[in-house]
Amino acid sequence: MMKNNTNIEKPYFPNSPLWGAGGLEDIISSLKHNKLRTILTGLAVAWGIFILIVLLGAGNGLRNGVMSNFAEISTNYVEAYTGWTSMPYKGMKAHREMKFSNKEIEIIEKIPEADKVNAVISTDQTISFGNEYGNYQVRGVQPVFAEILCLKIAEGGRFINELDIKQQNKVVVIDKRLEESLFKNENCIGKHIKIGSLMFRVVGVFTKKDWRERVYIPFSTAQTIYNPDKKFWWINFNLNGVQTTEENEAFNKRLKTVLAKSLNFNPDDPQGVWIWNMQQQYIQTQKIFGAINIFVGIIGIFTLIAGIVGISNIMLVSVRERTREFGIRKAIGAPPASILWSVILEAVMITAIFGYIGLVCGVGVTEAANWILSQQNANPNGMTIFKNPTIGLNYAFIATFIMIISGAIAGYIPARKAVKIKPIEAMKEV
């Protein structure tokens, strides 16, 4: 005698006119009847897509932020600084101060890879206009300096030219922030500011952001005023024809050897001359972001896998709960294919709907972050580490499509086992 178990939930039989054909109304009715199961399954899918998009957006934001800083300067930029020797050399004591001269400029200009060689003189001076004044950095540079640093000059102005160098003109190109501080809302081009005790005519305003305000004057003028001994400690230039990290390291070593010979210090002395190679830093940064992209991609893949596993488990439970329903359907003549198709469509609908929700939420978060960042001013030092944290919609749709296909497979596997059960055996599953 069959035991009557009143605690068992009665099987649900949709009364849709499409019942038995795996119709859309049948599937919707099933989803409504199992709201909790549907929501739990959908949340796993939505969360997987959401996290993937946010992770990819964060990776892109970090990359875009750092790369935007490189956009402010030539990526093949090299600087050489003099220092104090730390090793004795050829009978000379350590702790000698090294300084460049025009001789080192000529030596570097003869190096085939070096381009746009520029000498820099730097000093801090009080700059004033009317009642406004402050302490700012003054740099004496050559005309090529604007190309090396990718300086953008505001409309109506210009940078230092060869005539300024030849005639030692007292002209100055100032920072945009300095213009706002000294001149407020006035046009500064053609006006004179006081640098130290001398008057200079403003010929241009540059918009490049930096950690402090500074001005540029002709190198020849700076030498006459601040460097009567014709010595300086900073040379910069662009580097051409060098592509890999190894090639950059070899160039750095060769450059230091040449400068050590000219300045008469030990080439192995780490403090005689300092060389900063932007291209080398750029290549290393590219490698770092390549690794970050791989890392983010792996995390995203595992997040998707977690969502796929979640929907697979839920669909397995769903099919097991509906085994008796499937048995009755088969008993009254429903073909196995219709049952199989209804389960697959149910999984696809859940992954499609909730995948789209996760897609919209993820894109919404990245776009909101992008809007907030765009409204904020740059850091005081003009640098940024996070910018435009968005991703292409193609990546988002590909991830959602993968999740939908995975949902179909997740529904197919348990459904295929269920439809193979004989009706009489399925009826016993109570």
Protein backbone atom coordinates (compact mmCIF):
# COMPACT_ATOMS: atom_id res chain seq x y z
CA MET A 1 0.00 0.00 0.00
CA MET A 2 1.29 3.39 -0.98
CA LYS A 3 2.08 5.70 1.92
CA ASN A 4 0.24 9.03 1.87
CA ASN A 5 2.72 11.80 2.61
CA THR A 6 0.82 15.02 3.18
CA ASN A 7 4.04 16.98 3.82
CA ILE A 8 5.22 16.65 0.25
CA GLU A 9 4.65 19.77 -1.91
CA LYS A 10 2.29 19.05 -4.76
CA PRO A 11 3.86 19.17 -8.18
CA TYR A 12 3.12 22.25 -10.21
CA PHE A 13 1.37 21.82 -13.54
CA PRO A 14 1.15 24.97 -15.63
CA ASN A 15 -2.22 25.50 -17.22
CA SER A 16 -0.80 27.40 -20.17
CA PRO A 17 -2.32 26.56 -23.56
CA LEU A 18 1.27 25.93 -24.67
CA TRP A 19 1.82 23.32 -21.95
CA GLY A 20 3.73 20.35 -23.22
CA ALA A 21 5.25 22.30 -26.09
CA GLY A 22 7.89 24.11 -24.12
CA GLY A 23 6.21 27.41 -24.90
CA LEU A 24 7.19 30.79 -23.57
CA GLU A 25 4.07 31.15 -21.43
CA ASP A 26 4.76 27.77 -19.85
CA ILE A 27 8.31 28.86 -18.95
CA ILE A 28 7.17 32.20 -17.52
CA SER A 29 4.57 30.44 -15.41
CA SER A 30 7.23 28.06 -14.09
CA LEU A 31 9.56 30.95 -13.23
CA LYS A 32 6.76 32.81 -11.41
CA HIS A 33 5.87 29.70 -9.46
CA ASN A 34 9.49 29.33 -8.26
CA LYS A 35 10.32 32.97 -7.58
CA LEU A 36 12.96 32.34 -4.92
CA ARG A 37 14.81 29.82 -7.05
CA THR A 38 14.65 32.14 -10.05
CA ILE A 39 15.97 35.11 -8.09
CA LEU A 40 18.82 33.12 -6.53
CA THR A 41 19.82 31.77 -9.92
CA GLY A 42 19.60 35.19 -11.53
CA LEU A 43 21.62 36.90 -8.81
CA ALA A 44 24.53 34.53 -9.41
CA VAL A 45 24.46 35.42 -13.11
CA ALA A 46 24.02 39.17 -12.60
CA TRP A 47 26.75 39.29 -9.99
CA GLY A 48 29.20 37.46 -12.26
CA ILE A 49 28.63 39.87 -15.15
CA PHE A 50 28.64 42.91 -12.83
CA ILE A 51 31.95 41.99 -11.18
CA LEU A 52 33.57 41.20 -14.54
CA ILE A 53 32.62 44.60 -15.99
CA VAL A 54 33.68 46.49 -12.86
CA LEU A 55 37.03 44.67 -12.78
CA LEU A 56 37.69 45.34 -16.46
CA GLY A 57 36.64 48.96 -15.97
CA ALA A 58 38.96 49.37 -12.98
CA GLY A 59 41.84 47.89 -14.94
CA ASN A 60 41.17 50.22 -17.86
CA GLY A 61 40.81 53.20 -15.52
CA LEU A 62 44.16 52.51 -13.93
CA ARG A 63 45.80 52.02 -17.31
CA ASN A 64 44.23 55.15 -18.82
CA GLY A 65 45.20 57.23 -15.79
CA VAL A 66 48.85 56.25 -15.82
CA MET A 67 49.12 56.39 -19.61
CA SER A 68 47.62 59.89 -19.61
CA ASN A 69 50.62 61.00 -17.56
CA PHE A 70 52.91 59.67 -20.27
CA ALA A 71 50.90 61.70 -22.79
CA GLU A 72 52.19 64.84 -21.05
CA ILE A 73 55.75 64.01 -22.05
CA SER A 74 57.64 62.21 -24.81
CA THR A 75 57.90 58.52 -24.04
CA ASN A 76 61.45 58.52 -25.45
CA TYR A 77 62.57 61.23 -23.04
CA VAL A 78 65.96 60.96 -21.27
CA GLU A 79 67.41 63.14 -18.50
CA ALA A 80 70.97 63.24 -17.21
CA TYR A 81 71.81 64.92 -13.88
CA THR A 82 75.16 65.56 -12.31
CA GLY A 83 75.82 64.61 -8.69
CA TRP A 84 78.69 64.16 -6.20
CA THR A 85 81.19 61.38 -6.79
CA SER A 86 81.24 58.60 -4.22
CA MET A 87 84.48 56.92 -5.40
CA PRO A 88 88.07 58.19 -5.79
CA TYR A 89 89.37 58.17 -9.35
CA LYS A 90 92.89 58.58 -10.79
CA GLY A 91 94.26 60.11 -7.61
CA MET A 92 91.25 62.42 -7.14
CA LYS A 93 89.21 62.20 -3.97
CA ALA A 94 85.57 61.24 -3.70
CA HIS A 95 82.76 63.73 -3.00
CA ARG A 96 83.65 65.97 -5.95
CA GLU A 97 80.76 67.95 -7.40
CA MET A 98 80.12 67.24 -11.08
CA LYS A 99 78.73 69.87 -13.44
CA PHE A 100 77.98 69.84 -17.15
CA SER A 101 79.31 72.34 -19.67
CA ASN A 102 78.81 72.95 -23.38
CA LYS A 103 81.38 70.21 -23.96
CA GLU A 104 78.97 67.53 -22.72
CA ILE A 105 76.21 68.98 -24.90
CA GLU A 106 78.41 68.53 -27.96
CA ILE A 107 79.35 64.98 -26.91
CA ILE A 108 75.71 63.92 -26.53
CA GLU A 109 74.74 65.57 -29.82
CA LYS A 110 77.24 63.26 -31.57
CA ILE A 111 75.49 60.15 -30.24
CA PRO A 112 73.34 58.80 -33.14
CA GLU A 113 70.37 57.89 -30.92
CA ALA A 114 70.22 61.30 -29.19
CA ASP A 115 67.86 63.91 -30.65
CA LYS A 116 66.84 67.45 -29.59
CA VAL A 117 69.56 67.79 -26.95
CA ASN A 118 68.75 70.54 -24.46
CA ALA A 119 70.58 72.03 -21.46
CA VAL A 120 68.61 73.27 -18.45
CA ILE A 121 69.45 75.81 -15.76
CA SER A 122 67.10 75.84 -12.78
CA THR A 123 66.78 78.30 -9.91
CA ASP A 124 64.11 79.55 -7.52
CA GLN A 125 63.24 83.24 -7.71
CA THR A 126 60.61 85.65 -6.43
CA ILE A 127 58.24 86.59 -9.26
CA SER A 128 55.89 89.54 -8.94
CA PHE A 129 53.35 91.57 -10.89
CA GLY A 130 51.80 94.57 -9.23
CA ASN A 131 50.87 93.56 -5.69
CA GLU A 132 50.94 89.84 -6.45
CA TYR A 133 54.11 87.84 -5.88
CA GLY A 134 55.41 84.39 -4.98
CA ASN A 135 58.41 82.10 -5.07
CA TYR A 136 58.56 80.05 -8.26
CA GLN A 137 61.00 77.88 -10.20
CA VAL A 138 62.76 79.57 -13.13
CA ARG A 139 64.25 77.36 -15.84
CA GLY A 140 66.58 78.44 -18.61
CA VAL A 141 65.95 76.23 -21.65
CA GLN A 142 66.48 75.91 -25.39
CA PRO A 143 63.63 76.19 -27.96
CA VAL A 144 63.59 72.38 -28.45
CA PHE A 145 62.53 71.98 -24.82
CA ALA A 146 58.89 72.57 -25.82
CA GLU A 147 59.06 69.60 -28.21
CA ILE A 148 60.79 67.35 -25.69
CA LEU A 149 58.21 68.06 -22.97
CA CYS A 150 55.24 68.27 -25.38
CA LEU A 151 54.38 71.72 -24.04
CA LYS A 152 51.18 73.26 -25.37
CA ILE A 153 51.22 77.04 -25.69
CA ALA A 154 47.92 78.91 -25.30
CA GLU A 155 46.56 80.78 -28.29
CA GLY A 156 48.16 84.14 -28.90
CA GLY A 157 51.50 83.23 -27.35
CA ARG A 158 54.71 81.48 -28.31
CA PHE A 159 57.62 79.61 -26.80
CA ILE A 160 61.25 80.71 -26.65
CA ASN A 161 62.86 80.89 -30.12
CA GLU A 162 66.36 80.98 -31.56
CA LEU A 163 66.37 84.78 -31.74
CA ASP A 164 65.74 84.92 -27.98
CA ILE A 165 68.74 82.65 -27.45
CA LYS A 166 70.99 84.62 -29.78
CA GLN A 167 70.07 88.04 -28.37
CA GLN A 168 69.70 86.87 -24.74
CA ASN A 169 66.23 88.42 -24.66
CA LYS A 170 64.49 88.90 -21.33
CA VAL A 171 61.33 87.05 -22.31
CA VAL A 172 59.43 84.48 -20.28
CA VAL A 173 56.85 81.74 -20.84
CA ILE A 174 54.72 81.16 -17.73
CA ASP A 175 52.48 78.47 -16.27
CA LYS A 176 48.71 78.78 -16.70
CA ARG A 177 48.22 78.64 -12.93
CA LEU A 178 50.84 81.34 -12.48
CA GLU A 179 48.94 83.50 -14.97
CA GLU A 180 45.79 83.06 -12.89
CA SER A 181 47.65 83.89 -9.68
CA LEU A 182 49.45 87.00 -10.90
CA PHE A 183 47.17 88.39 -13.58
CA LYS A 184 43.77 87.12 -12.39
CA ASN A 185 41.49 87.49 -15.43
CA GLU A 186 43.77 89.79 -17.44
CA ASN A 187 45.57 88.87 -20.65
CA CYS A 188 49.25 88.59 -19.72
CA ILE A 189 50.83 88.42 -23.20
CA GLY A 190 53.11 91.41 -23.74
CA LYS A 191 53.09 92.48 -20.10
CA HIS A 192 56.18 92.53 -17.88
CA ILE A 193 56.76 90.60 -14.67
CA LYS A 194 59.62 90.96 -12.25
CA ILE A 195 61.86 87.93 -11.78
CA GLY A 196 64.26 88.63 -8.94
CA SER A 197 65.37 92.17 -9.67
CA LEU A 198 64.92 92.06 -13.47
CA MET A 199 61.90 92.68 -15.70
CA PHE A 200 60.86 90.04 -18.27
CA ARG A 201 58.21 90.31 -21.00
CA VAL A 202 55.63 87.51 -21.08
CA VAL A 203 55.48 85.98 -24.57
CA GLY A 204 53.50 82.81 -23.90
CA VAL A 205 51.51 80.67 -21.47
CA PHE A 206 51.81 76.88 -21.37
CA THR A 207 49.04 74.63 -20.11
CA LYS A 208 51.02 71.57 -19.06
CA LYS A 209 50.19 70.51 -15.49
CA ASP A 210 52.96 69.95 -13.00
CA TRP A 211 53.49 69.66 -9.27
CA ARG A 212 54.50 73.33 -8.95
CA GLU A 213 54.29 76.54 -10.96
CA ARG A 214 57.34 77.42 -13.03
CA VAL A 215 58.46 79.72 -15.83
CA TYR A 216 60.84 79.31 -18.75
CA ILE A 217 63.39 81.85 -19.98
CA PRO A 218 66.07 81.62 -22.71
CA PHE A 219 69.00 79.41 -21.73
CA SER A 220 71.54 82.05 -22.78
CA THR A 221 69.80 84.67 -20.63
CA ALA A 222 69.76 82.33 -17.64
CA GLN A 223 73.47 81.58 -18.06
CA THR A 224 74.36 85.26 -18.11
CA ILE A 225 72.26 86.08 -15.03
CA TYR A 226 72.50 82.97 -12.86
CA ASN A 227 75.43 80.91 -14.24
CA PRO A 228 78.39 83.13 -15.12
CA ASP A 229 80.70 80.09 -14.90
CA LYS A 230 78.72 78.50 -17.77
CA LYS A 231 78.16 75.33 -15.74
CA PHE A 232 74.87 73.49 -15.25
CA TRP A 233 73.65 70.19 -13.87
CA TRP A 234 70.82 69.03 -16.15
CA ILE A 235 70.65 67.82 -19.77
CA ASN A 236 67.64 66.25 -21.47
CA PHE A 237 66.94 64.92 -24.96
CA ASN A 238 64.85 62.48 -26.98
CA LEU A 239 66.06 58.96 -27.68
CA ASN A 240 65.47 57.38 -31.10
CA GLY A 241 66.06 53.89 -32.47
CA VAL A 242 65.98 52.13 -29.09
CA GLN A 243 62.99 49.87 -28.46
CA THR A 244 63.55 47.19 -25.82
CA THR A 245 64.44 47.33 -22.14
CA GLU A 246 67.79 45.69 -22.87
CA GLU A 247 68.63 48.25 -25.53
CA ASN A 248 67.71 51.09 -23.18
CA GLU A 249 69.88 49.67 -20.41
CA ALA A 250 72.79 49.32 -22.83
CA PHE A 251 72.31 52.93 -23.97
CA ASN A 252 72.20 54.20 -20.38
CA LYS A 253 75.47 52.43 -19.63
CA ARG A 254 77.10 53.75 -22.80
CA LEU A 255 75.92 57.32 -22.08
CA LYS A 256 77.25 57.20 -18.54
CA THR A 257 80.61 55.89 -19.74
CA VAL A 258 80.92 58.76 -22.24
CA LEU A 259 79.98 61.38 -19.63
CA ALA A 260 82.29 59.82 -17.03
CA LYS A 261 85.20 60.10 -19.44
CA SER A 262 84.39 63.75 -20.17
CA LEU A 263 83.84 64.72 -16.52
CA ASN A 264 86.72 62.56 -15.29
CA PHE A 265 85.06 60.23 -12.78
CA ASN A 266 84.78 56.46 -12.42
CA PRO A 267 82.14 55.03 -14.84
CA ASP A 268 81.13 52.58 -12.11
CA ASP A 269 80.42 55.43 -9.68
CA PRO A 270 76.63 55.34 -9.11
CA GLN A 271 76.46 58.97 -7.97
CA GLY A 272 78.62 60.85 -10.47
CA VAL A 273 75.81 61.16 -13.03
CA TRP A 274 72.18 60.09 -12.70
CA ILE A 275 70.30 58.97 -15.82
CA TRP A 276 66.53 58.76 -15.97
CA ASN A 277 65.20 57.01 -19.08
CA MET A 278 61.48 57.61 -19.63
CA GLN A 279 61.30 55.10 -22.48
CA GLN A 280 62.64 52.39 -20.19
CA GLN A 281 60.02 53.32 -17.60
CA TYR A 282 57.33 53.33 -20.28
CA ILE A 283 58.24 49.84 -21.51
CA GLN A 284 58.24 48.50 -17.96
CA THR A 285 54.88 50.15 -17.29
CA GLN A 286 53.44 48.53 -20.41
CA LYS A 287 54.60 45.15 -19.15
CA ILE A 288 53.07 45.79 -15.75
CA PHE A 289 49.72 46.67 -17.29
CA GLY A 290 49.91 43.64 -19.51
CA ALA A 291 50.25 41.52 -16.37
CA ILE A 292 47.41 43.46 -14.70
CA ASN A 293 45.14 42.82 -17.69
CA ILE A 294 45.92 39.10 -17.53
CA PHE A 295 45.26 39.08 -13.77
CA VAL A 296 41.95 40.94 -14.16
CA GLY A 297 40.99 38.63 -17.02
CA ILE A 298 41.68 35.54 -14.90
CA ILE A 299 39.61 36.92 -12.02
CA GLY A 300 36.82 37.77 -14.46
CA ILE A 301 36.88 34.28 -15.95
CA PHE A 302 36.69 32.67 -12.52
CA THR A 303 33.85 35.02 -11.61
CA LEU A 304 31.97 33.90 -14.71
CA ILE A 305 32.73 30.28 -13.85
CA ALA A 306 31.31 30.85 -10.37
CA GLY A 307 28.12 32.19 -11.97
CA ILE A 308 27.99 29.25 -14.36
CA VAL A 309 28.43 26.78 -11.50
CA GLY A 310 25.72 28.59 -9.57
CA ILE A 311 23.17 28.37 -12.37
CA SER A 312 24.17 24.74 -13.05
CA ASN A 313 23.47 23.77 -9.45
CA ILE A 314 20.18 25.63 -9.36
CA MET A 315 19.04 24.07 -12.65
CA LEU A 316 20.04 20.63 -11.35
CA VAL A 317 17.85 21.16 -8.29
CA SER A 318 15.06 22.56 -10.46
CA VAL A 319 15.03 19.53 -12.74
CA ARG A 320 15.13 17.16 -9.80
CA GLU A 321 12.14 18.89 -8.21
CA ARG A 322 10.20 18.69 -11.47
CA THR A 323 10.98 15.02 -12.25
CA ARG A 324 7.40 13.95 -11.43
CA GLU A 325 6.03 16.75 -13.59
CA PHE A 326 8.18 15.59 -16.49
CA GLY A 327 6.97 12.02 -15.98
CA ILE A 328 3.32 13.07 -16.18
CA ARG A 329 4.04 15.11 -19.31
CA LYS A 330 5.65 12.12 -20.98
CA ALA A 331 2.77 9.88 -19.84
CA ILE A 332 0.17 12.06 -21.58
CA GLY A 333 2.21 12.23 -24.78
CA ALA A 334 4.57 15.20 -24.50
CA PRO A 335 7.67 14.50 -26.60
CA PRO A 336 11.01 14.46 -24.69
CA ALA A 337 12.32 17.22 -26.97
CA SER A 338 9.65 19.67 -25.76
CA ILE A 339 10.54 18.99 -22.14
CA LEU A 340 14.22 19.36 -22.89
CA TRP A 341 13.60 22.59 -24.80
CA SER A 342 11.50 24.09 -22.00
CA VAL A 343 14.27 23.56 -19.44
CA ILE A 344 16.91 24.99 -21.76
CA LEU A 345 14.77 28.03 -22.52
CA GLU A 346 14.18 28.56 -18.80
CA ALA A 347 17.94 28.62 -18.17
CA VAL A 348 18.52 30.90 -21.16
CA MET A 349 15.81 33.34 -20.06
CA ILE A 350 17.24 33.57 -16.55
CA THR A 351 20.80 34.13 -17.76
CA ALA A 352 19.70 36.58 -20.47
CA ILE A 353 17.49 38.71 -18.23
CA PHE A 354 19.75 38.79 -15.19
CA GLY A 355 22.87 38.93 -17.34
CA TYR A 356 21.47 42.07 -18.92
CA ILE A 357 20.72 43.48 -15.46
CA GLY A 358 24.31 42.79 -14.40
CA LEU A 359 25.52 44.36 -17.65
CA VAL A 360 23.49 47.53 -17.13
CA CYS A 361 24.54 47.84 -13.48
CA GLY A 362 28.22 47.26 -14.28
CA VAL A 363 28.26 49.76 -17.14
CA GLY A 364 26.28 52.19 -14.98
CA VAL A 365 28.85 51.99 -12.17
CA THR A 366 31.81 52.52 -14.53
CA GLU A 367 30.08 55.42 -16.29
CA ALA A 368 29.17 57.01 -12.96
CA ALA A 369 32.77 56.67 -11.80
CA ASN A 370 33.95 58.21 -15.07
CA TRP A 371 31.56 61.16 -14.65
CA ILE A 372 32.66 61.76 -11.05
CA LEU A 373 36.33 61.66 -12.04
CA SER A 374 35.74 64.00 -14.97
CA GLN A 375 34.14 66.55 -12.62
CA GLN A 376 37.10 66.56 -10.27
CA ASN A 377 40.16 68.65 -10.82
CA ALA A 378 43.57 67.04 -11.21
CA ASN A 379 45.73 66.39 -8.18
CA PRO A 380 47.92 69.29 -7.02
CA ASN A 381 50.91 67.69 -8.70
CA GLY A 382 49.03 67.44 -11.99
CA MET A 383 49.26 63.64 -12.04
CA THR A 384 46.43 61.14 -12.07
CA ILE A 385 46.33 57.39 -11.54
CA PHE A 386 42.69 56.71 -12.50
CA LYS A 387 40.87 57.96 -15.58
CA ASN A 388 37.93 56.90 -17.77
CA PRO A 389 37.21 53.51 -16.11
CA THR A 390 34.94 52.26 -18.88
CA ILE A 391 35.09 49.28 -21.20
CA GLY A 392 33.91 48.65 -24.73
CA LEU A 393 30.36 47.29 -24.91
CA ASN A 394 31.65 44.49 -27.13
CA TYR A 395 33.43 42.96 -24.12
CA ALA A 396 30.30 43.30 -22.00
CA PHE A 397 28.06 41.68 -24.62
CA ILE A 398 30.57 38.90 -25.25
CA ALA A 399 30.64 38.10 -21.52
CA THR A 400 26.84 38.12 -21.38
CA PHE A 401 26.63 35.91 -24.47
CA ILE A 402 29.06 33.43 -22.92
CA MET A 403 26.94 33.37 -19.78
CA ILE A 404 23.77 32.73 -21.82
CA ILE A 405 25.39 29.87 -23.72
CA SER A 406 26.67 28.48 -20.43
CA GLY A 407 23.17 28.76 -18.98
CA ALA A 408 21.78 26.78 -21.91
CA ILE A 409 24.39 24.06 -21.36
CA ALA A 410 23.70 24.15 -17.61
CA GLY A 411 20.01 23.52 -18.29
CA TYR A 412 20.59 20.93 -21.01
CA ILE A 413 22.74 18.50 -19.01
CA PRO A 414 20.34 17.80 -16.12
CA ALA A 415 17.25 18.02 -18.40
CA ARG A 416 18.71 15.40 -20.73
CA LYS A 417 19.02 12.99 -17.81
CA ALA A 418 15.51 13.79 -16.62
CA VAL A 419 13.77 13.09 -19.93
CA LYS A 420 15.39 9.65 -20.10
CA ILE A 421 13.57 8.57 -16.94
CA LYS A 422 10.54 6.37 -17.63
CA PRO A 423 7.16 7.90 -16.72
CA ILE A 424 6.39 5.20 -14.14
CA GLU A 425 9.71 5.83 -12.36
CA ALA A 426 9.21 9.60 -12.51
CA MET A 427 5.75 9.25 -10.94
CA LYS A 428 7.36 7.63 -7.89
CA GLU A 429 9.48 10.78 -7.28
CA VAL A 430 7.25 12.36 -4.65
